[in-house]
Amino acid sequence: PMQAFPLLGASAAAAVVSWLVVRFYAFPRFVILPALTATDAYWATYAFVPPRHMLAGYALYLVPLAVLWLLNLRWLLQLTSKLRSAVRQAASPTLLHAGTLALGLVVLAAVAYVETLAA
């Protein structure tokens, strides 16, 4: 099992990076935030609909997005706890902290890249 550890570690690290960038940065930034802020077109298009019906429809749109985001948070915490327990047994604390720092830098670089794509 330990022969496959570098590949397993790289795969888990890639999963954590993609999870953080896509689900915790890009999803709220490009899906939830515009749904909260860019509502002028909805209100103009559906001006004939009573406001309470618009708000109910809007809630039916936003609440599942928020629930999905919270579920992603829970799943990420589960993934990182399993990853941390597996790595803690095989790596020294110094190596663990260095890996966490490297992972954080990769996440920051990926977020910066996503922002350049969005511009």
N, C-alpha and C. Protein backbone atom coordinates (compact mmCIF):
# COMPACT_ATOMS: atom_id res chain seq x y z
N PRO A 1 0.81 -1.20 0.00
CA PRO A 1 0.00 0.00 0.00
C PRO A 1 0.86 1.27 0.00
N MET A 2 1.98 1.27 0.67
CA MET A 2 2.78 2.49 0.76
C MET A 2 3.47 2.82 -0.56
N GLN A 3 3.61 1.85 -1.48
CA GLN A 3 4.21 2.15 -2.77
C GLN A 3 3.30 3.09 -3.56
N ALA A 4 2.02 2.99 -3.36
CA ALA A 4 1.06 3.83 -4.09
C ALA A 4 0.80 5.15 -3.38
N PHE A 5 1.43 5.38 -2.22
CA PHE A 5 1.14 6.57 -1.44
C PHE A 5 1.41 7.87 -2.19
N PRO A 6 2.51 8.03 -2.94
CA PRO A 6 2.69 9.31 -3.66
C PRO A 6 1.58 9.57 -4.66
N LEU A 7 1.13 8.54 -5.37
CA LEU A 7 0.04 8.73 -6.32
C LEU A 7 -1.27 9.04 -5.60
N LEU A 8 -1.51 8.35 -4.50
CA LEU A 8 -2.71 8.60 -3.72
C LEU A 8 -2.69 10.01 -3.15
N GLY A 9 -1.53 10.43 -2.65
CA GLY A 9 -1.40 11.78 -2.11
C GLY A 9 -1.60 12.84 -3.17
N ALA A 10 -1.02 12.62 -4.34
CA ALA A 10 -1.19 13.58 -5.44
C ALA A 10 -2.65 13.65 -5.87
N SER A 11 -3.31 12.51 -5.94
CA SER A 11 -4.71 12.48 -6.33
C SER A 11 -5.58 13.19 -5.29
N ALA A 12 -5.34 12.93 -4.04
CA ALA A 12 -6.12 13.58 -2.98
C ALA A 12 -5.85 15.08 -2.95
N ALA A 13 -4.60 15.47 -3.14
CA ALA A 13 -4.26 16.90 -3.16
C ALA A 13 -4.95 17.59 -4.34
N ALA A 14 -4.97 16.94 -5.49
CA ALA A 14 -5.64 17.52 -6.65
C ALA A 14 -7.15 17.64 -6.40
N ALA A 15 -7.72 16.66 -5.73
CA ALA A 15 -9.14 16.72 -5.40
C ALA A 15 -9.43 17.88 -4.46
N VAL A 16 -8.58 18.08 -3.47
CA VAL A 16 -8.78 19.18 -2.52
C VAL A 16 -8.63 20.52 -3.23
N VAL A 17 -7.61 20.65 -4.08
CA VAL A 17 -7.40 21.91 -4.80
C VAL A 17 -8.60 22.22 -5.70
N SER A 18 -9.03 21.23 -6.49
CA SER A 18 -10.16 21.49 -7.38
C SER A 18 -11.42 21.78 -6.59
N TRP A 19 -11.61 21.09 -5.47
CA TRP A 19 -12.78 21.31 -4.64
C TRP A 19 -12.79 22.74 -4.11
N LEU A 20 -11.65 23.17 -3.59
CA LEU A 20 -11.58 24.52 -3.04
C LEU A 20 -11.78 25.59 -4.11
N VAL A 21 -11.15 25.40 -5.24
CA VAL A 21 -11.23 26.43 -6.28
C VAL A 21 -12.61 26.46 -6.93
N VAL A 22 -13.10 25.32 -7.34
CA VAL A 22 -14.36 25.30 -8.09
C VAL A 22 -15.56 25.46 -7.17
N ARG A 23 -15.59 24.71 -6.10
CA ARG A 23 -16.80 24.70 -5.28
C ARG A 23 -16.83 25.76 -4.20
N PHE A 24 -15.67 26.25 -3.79
CA PHE A 24 -15.67 27.26 -2.73
C PHE A 24 -15.27 28.63 -3.19
N TYR A 25 -14.81 28.74 -4.42
CA TYR A 25 -14.55 30.06 -4.96
C TYR A 25 -15.41 30.33 -6.19
N ALA A 26 -15.27 29.51 -7.21
CA ALA A 26 -15.96 29.79 -8.47
C ALA A 26 -17.48 29.68 -8.33
N PHE A 27 -17.98 28.67 -7.64
CA PHE A 27 -19.43 28.50 -7.52
C PHE A 27 -20.09 29.68 -6.81
N PRO A 28 -19.60 30.08 -5.64
CA PRO A 28 -20.23 31.25 -5.01
C PRO A 28 -19.99 32.54 -5.81
N ARG A 29 -18.81 32.67 -6.39
CA ARG A 29 -18.46 33.92 -7.10
C ARG A 29 -19.24 34.08 -8.39
N PHE A 30 -19.42 33.01 -9.14
CA PHE A 30 -20.02 33.12 -10.46
C PHE A 30 -21.45 32.60 -10.56
N VAL A 31 -21.95 31.96 -9.51
CA VAL A 31 -23.33 31.47 -9.55
C VAL A 31 -24.17 32.14 -8.45
N ILE A 32 -23.74 32.01 -7.21
CA ILE A 32 -24.56 32.53 -6.10
C ILE A 32 -24.54 34.05 -6.04
N LEU A 33 -23.37 34.67 -6.14
CA LEU A 33 -23.29 36.12 -6.04
C LEU A 33 -24.09 36.82 -7.15
N PRO A 34 -23.96 36.42 -8.42
CA PRO A 34 -24.82 37.06 -9.42
C PRO A 34 -26.31 36.81 -9.18
N ALA A 35 -26.65 35.65 -8.64
CA ALA A 35 -28.06 35.39 -8.35
C ALA A 35 -28.57 36.32 -7.26
N LEU A 36 -27.69 36.74 -6.37
CA LEU A 36 -28.09 37.66 -5.31
C LEU A 36 -28.08 39.11 -5.77
N THR A 37 -27.18 39.46 -6.66
CA THR A 37 -26.99 40.88 -6.99
C THR A 37 -27.55 41.30 -8.34
N ALA A 38 -27.53 40.44 -9.32
CA ALA A 38 -27.97 40.82 -10.67
C ALA A 38 -29.42 40.42 -10.89
N THR A 39 -30.32 41.11 -10.21
CA THR A 39 -31.73 40.73 -10.28
C THR A 39 -32.59 41.73 -11.05
N ASP A 40 -31.99 42.79 -11.56
CA ASP A 40 -32.77 43.82 -12.26
C ASP A 40 -33.51 43.25 -13.47
N ALA A 41 -32.84 42.38 -14.22
CA ALA A 41 -33.47 41.81 -15.41
C ALA A 41 -34.68 40.95 -15.04
N TYR A 42 -34.57 40.20 -13.94
CA TYR A 42 -35.71 39.38 -13.51
C TYR A 42 -36.90 40.26 -13.13
N TRP A 43 -36.63 41.30 -12.35
CA TRP A 43 -37.71 42.16 -11.90
C TRP A 43 -38.34 42.90 -13.07
N ALA A 44 -37.53 43.30 -14.06
CA ALA A 44 -38.07 44.00 -15.23
C ALA A 44 -38.88 43.06 -16.12
N THR A 45 -38.38 41.85 -16.31
CA THR A 45 -39.06 40.90 -17.18
C THR A 45 -40.38 40.43 -16.58
N TYR A 46 -40.38 40.20 -15.28
CA TYR A 46 -41.57 39.67 -14.61
C TYR A 46 -42.23 40.73 -13.74
N ALA A 47 -42.33 41.94 -14.25
CA ALA A 47 -42.93 43.03 -13.48
C ALA A 47 -44.42 42.79 -13.22
N PHE A 48 -45.05 41.99 -14.06
CA PHE A 48 -46.48 41.71 -13.90
C PHE A 48 -46.77 40.70 -12.78
N VAL A 49 -45.74 40.01 -12.31
CA VAL A 49 -45.92 39.00 -11.26
C VAL A 49 -45.95 39.70 -9.90
N PRO A 50 -46.85 39.31 -9.02
CA PRO A 50 -46.88 39.91 -7.68
C PRO A 50 -45.54 39.69 -6.95
N PRO A 51 -45.09 40.69 -6.22
CA PRO A 51 -43.78 40.60 -5.56
C PRO A 51 -43.62 39.39 -4.64
N ARG A 52 -44.69 39.00 -3.94
CA ARG A 52 -44.55 37.85 -3.04
C ARG A 52 -44.31 36.56 -3.83
N HIS A 53 -44.86 36.47 -5.03
CA HIS A 53 -44.62 35.29 -5.87
C HIS A 53 -43.21 35.31 -6.42
N MET A 54 -42.73 36.51 -6.77
CA MET A 54 -41.35 36.64 -7.24
C MET A 54 -40.37 36.24 -6.13
N LEU A 55 -40.63 36.70 -4.93
CA LEU A 55 -39.75 36.37 -3.81
C LEU A 55 -39.78 34.88 -3.50
N ALA A 56 -40.94 34.27 -3.61
CA ALA A 56 -41.04 32.82 -3.38
C ALA A 56 -40.26 32.07 -4.45
N GLY A 57 -40.41 32.46 -5.71
CA GLY A 57 -39.64 31.83 -6.78
C GLY A 57 -38.15 32.05 -6.63
N TYR A 58 -37.80 33.24 -6.22
CA TYR A 58 -36.40 33.57 -6.00
C TYR A 58 -35.81 32.72 -4.88
N ALA A 59 -36.59 32.53 -3.82
CA ALA A 59 -36.13 31.69 -2.71
C ALA A 59 -35.98 30.24 -3.16
N LEU A 60 -36.91 29.78 -4.00
CA LEU A 60 -36.81 28.41 -4.52
C LEU A 60 -35.57 28.24 -5.41
N TYR A 61 -35.09 29.33 -5.95
CA TYR A 61 -33.87 29.30 -6.76
C TYR A 61 -32.61 29.38 -5.90
N LEU A 62 -32.62 30.25 -4.90
CA LEU A 62 -31.41 30.48 -4.11
C LEU A 62 -31.18 29.47 -2.99
N VAL A 63 -32.24 29.02 -2.35
CA VAL A 63 -32.07 28.10 -1.22
C VAL A 63 -31.36 26.81 -1.64
N PRO A 64 -31.73 26.16 -2.74
CA PRO A 64 -30.98 24.96 -3.14
C PRO A 64 -29.52 25.25 -3.46
N LEU A 65 -29.21 26.42 -4.01
CA LEU A 65 -27.81 26.77 -4.25
C LEU A 65 -27.04 26.87 -2.95
N ALA A 66 -27.65 27.50 -1.95
CA ALA A 66 -26.99 27.62 -0.65
C ALA A 66 -26.84 26.26 0.03
N VAL A 67 -27.86 25.43 -0.08
CA VAL A 67 -27.78 24.08 0.51
C VAL A 67 -26.70 23.27 -0.18
N LEU A 68 -26.62 23.35 -1.49
CA LEU A 68 -25.58 22.65 -2.22
C LEU A 68 -24.20 23.11 -1.78
N TRP A 69 -24.03 24.41 -1.60
CA TRP A 69 -22.74 24.94 -1.15
C TRP A 69 -22.40 24.42 0.25
N LEU A 70 -23.38 24.38 1.14
CA LEU A 70 -23.14 23.87 2.49
C LEU A 70 -22.82 22.37 2.47
N LEU A 71 -23.49 21.62 1.62
CA LEU A 71 -23.16 20.20 1.49
C LEU A 71 -21.74 20.01 0.98
N ASN A 72 -21.32 20.86 0.04
CA ASN A 72 -19.95 20.79 -0.44
C ASN A 72 -18.95 21.07 0.68
N LEU A 73 -19.29 22.00 1.56
CA LEU A 73 -18.44 22.28 2.71
C LEU A 73 -18.31 21.04 3.59
N ARG A 74 -19.43 20.38 3.86
CA ARG A 74 -19.40 19.17 4.69
C ARG A 74 -18.55 18.08 4.04
N TRP A 75 -18.74 17.88 2.73
CA TRP A 75 -17.99 16.84 2.03
C TRP A 75 -16.50 17.16 1.99
N LEU A 76 -16.16 18.43 1.84
CA LEU A 76 -14.75 18.81 1.86
C LEU A 76 -14.13 18.55 3.23
N LEU A 77 -14.85 18.87 4.28
CA LEU A 77 -14.34 18.60 5.63
C LEU A 77 -14.13 17.11 5.85
N GLN A 78 -15.02 16.29 5.35
CA GLN A 78 -14.85 14.84 5.47
C GLN A 78 -13.64 14.37 4.68
N LEU A 79 -13.50 14.88 3.46
CA LEU A 79 -12.36 14.50 2.62
C LEU A 79 -11.04 14.91 3.26
N THR A 80 -10.96 16.12 3.76
CA THR A 80 -9.70 16.58 4.35
C THR A 80 -9.40 15.86 5.65
N SER A 81 -10.41 15.51 6.43
CA SER A 81 -10.13 14.78 7.67
C SER A 81 -9.59 13.38 7.37
N LYS A 82 -10.15 12.72 6.37
CA LYS A 82 -9.62 11.41 5.98
C LYS A 82 -8.21 11.53 5.41
N LEU A 83 -8.01 12.53 4.59
CA LEU A 83 -6.69 12.74 4.01
C LEU A 83 -5.66 13.07 5.09
N ARG A 84 -6.06 13.92 6.02
CA ARG A 84 -5.13 14.32 7.10
C ARG A 84 -4.77 13.12 7.97
N SER A 85 -5.73 12.28 8.29
CA SER A 85 -5.43 11.13 9.14
C SER A 85 -4.51 10.14 8.42
N ALA A 86 -4.71 9.98 7.11
CA ALA A 86 -3.84 9.07 6.36
C ALA A 86 -2.42 9.64 6.23
N VAL A 87 -2.33 10.93 5.99
CA VAL A 87 -1.01 11.54 5.82
C VAL A 87 -0.29 11.66 7.16
N ARG A 88 -1.03 11.91 8.22
CA ARG A 88 -0.42 12.08 9.54
C ARG A 88 0.33 10.81 9.97
N GLN A 89 -0.19 9.66 9.58
CA GLN A 89 0.46 8.40 9.95
C GLN A 89 1.74 8.18 9.17
N ALA A 90 1.83 8.72 7.96
CA ALA A 90 2.97 8.43 7.09
C ALA A 90 3.97 9.56 6.99
N ALA A 91 3.65 10.75 7.46
CA ALA A 91 4.53 11.90 7.26
C ALA A 91 4.86 12.57 8.59
N SER A 92 6.00 13.25 8.60
CA SER A 92 6.39 14.00 9.79
C SER A 92 5.58 15.30 9.86
N PRO A 93 5.50 15.90 11.05
CA PRO A 93 4.76 17.17 11.16
C PRO A 93 5.33 18.27 10.26
N THR A 94 6.63 18.32 10.12
CA THR A 94 7.24 19.34 9.26
C THR A 94 6.82 19.15 7.81
N LEU A 95 6.84 17.91 7.36
CA LEU A 95 6.42 17.61 6.00
C LEU A 95 4.93 17.90 5.81
N LEU A 96 4.14 17.63 6.83
CA LEU A 96 2.71 17.88 6.77
C LEU A 96 2.44 19.38 6.64
N HIS A 97 3.15 20.20 7.42
CA HIS A 97 2.97 21.66 7.34
C HIS A 97 3.46 22.20 6.00
N ALA A 98 4.56 21.68 5.51
CA ALA A 98 5.07 22.11 4.20
C ALA A 98 4.09 21.74 3.08
N GLY A 99 3.51 20.57 3.17
CA GLY A 99 2.52 20.15 2.18
C GLY A 99 1.27 21.00 2.22
N THR A 100 0.85 21.37 3.44
CA THR A 100 -0.31 22.23 3.58
C THR A 100 -0.04 23.61 3.00
N LEU A 101 1.15 24.14 3.24
CA LEU A 101 1.53 25.43 2.68
C LEU A 101 1.58 25.36 1.15
N ALA A 102 2.17 24.31 0.61
CA ALA A 102 2.24 24.15 -0.84
C ALA A 102 0.84 24.04 -1.44
N LEU A 103 -0.03 23.30 -0.78
CA LEU A 103 -1.40 23.17 -1.25
C LEU A 103 -2.11 24.52 -1.24
N GLY A 104 -1.89 25.29 -0.21
CA GLY A 104 -2.49 26.63 -0.14
C GLY A 104 -2.00 27.54 -1.25
N LEU A 105 -0.71 27.46 -1.57
CA LEU A 105 -0.17 28.28 -2.66
C LEU A 105 -0.75 27.86 -4.01
N VAL A 106 -0.92 26.57 -4.20
CA VAL A 106 -1.52 26.09 -5.45
C VAL A 106 -2.97 26.56 -5.55
N VAL A 107 -3.70 26.54 -4.44
CA VAL A 107 -5.09 27.01 -4.44
C VAL A 107 -5.13 28.50 -4.79
N LEU A 108 -4.25 29.30 -4.20
CA LEU A 108 -4.20 30.72 -4.51
C LEU A 108 -3.88 30.97 -5.98
N ALA A 109 -2.94 30.22 -6.52
CA ALA A 109 -2.60 30.36 -7.94
C ALA A 109 -3.78 29.97 -8.83
N ALA A 110 -4.49 28.93 -8.46
CA ALA A 110 -5.64 28.50 -9.25
C ALA A 110 -6.77 29.53 -9.18
N VAL A 111 -6.97 30.12 -8.02
CA VAL A 111 -8.00 31.17 -7.88
C VAL A 111 -7.62 32.38 -8.74
N ALA A 112 -6.36 32.76 -8.73
CA ALA A 112 -5.91 33.87 -9.57
C ALA A 112 -6.13 33.56 -11.04
N TYR A 113 -5.89 32.33 -11.44
CA TYR A 113 -6.09 31.93 -12.83
C TYR A 113 -7.57 31.98 -13.20
N VAL A 114 -8.43 31.52 -12.30
CA VAL A 114 -9.88 31.57 -12.56
C VAL A 114 -10.33 33.01 -12.73
N GLU A 115 -9.78 33.91 -11.93
CA GLU A 115 -10.14 35.33 -12.05
C GLU A 115 -9.70 35.89 -13.40
N THR A 116 -8.55 35.47 -13.90
CA THR A 116 -8.13 35.96 -15.22
C THR A 116 -9.04 35.43 -16.31
N LEU A 117 -9.56 34.21 -16.15
CA LEU A 117 -10.50 33.67 -17.12
C LEU A 117 -11.82 34.44 -17.10
N ALA A 118 -12.22 34.90 -15.93
CA ALA A 118 -13.48 35.59 -15.79
C ALA A 118 -13.43 37.03 -16.29
N ALA A 119 -12.24 37.57 -16.35
CA ALA A 119 -12.11 38.99 -16.74
C ALA A 119 -12.37 39.20 -18.22
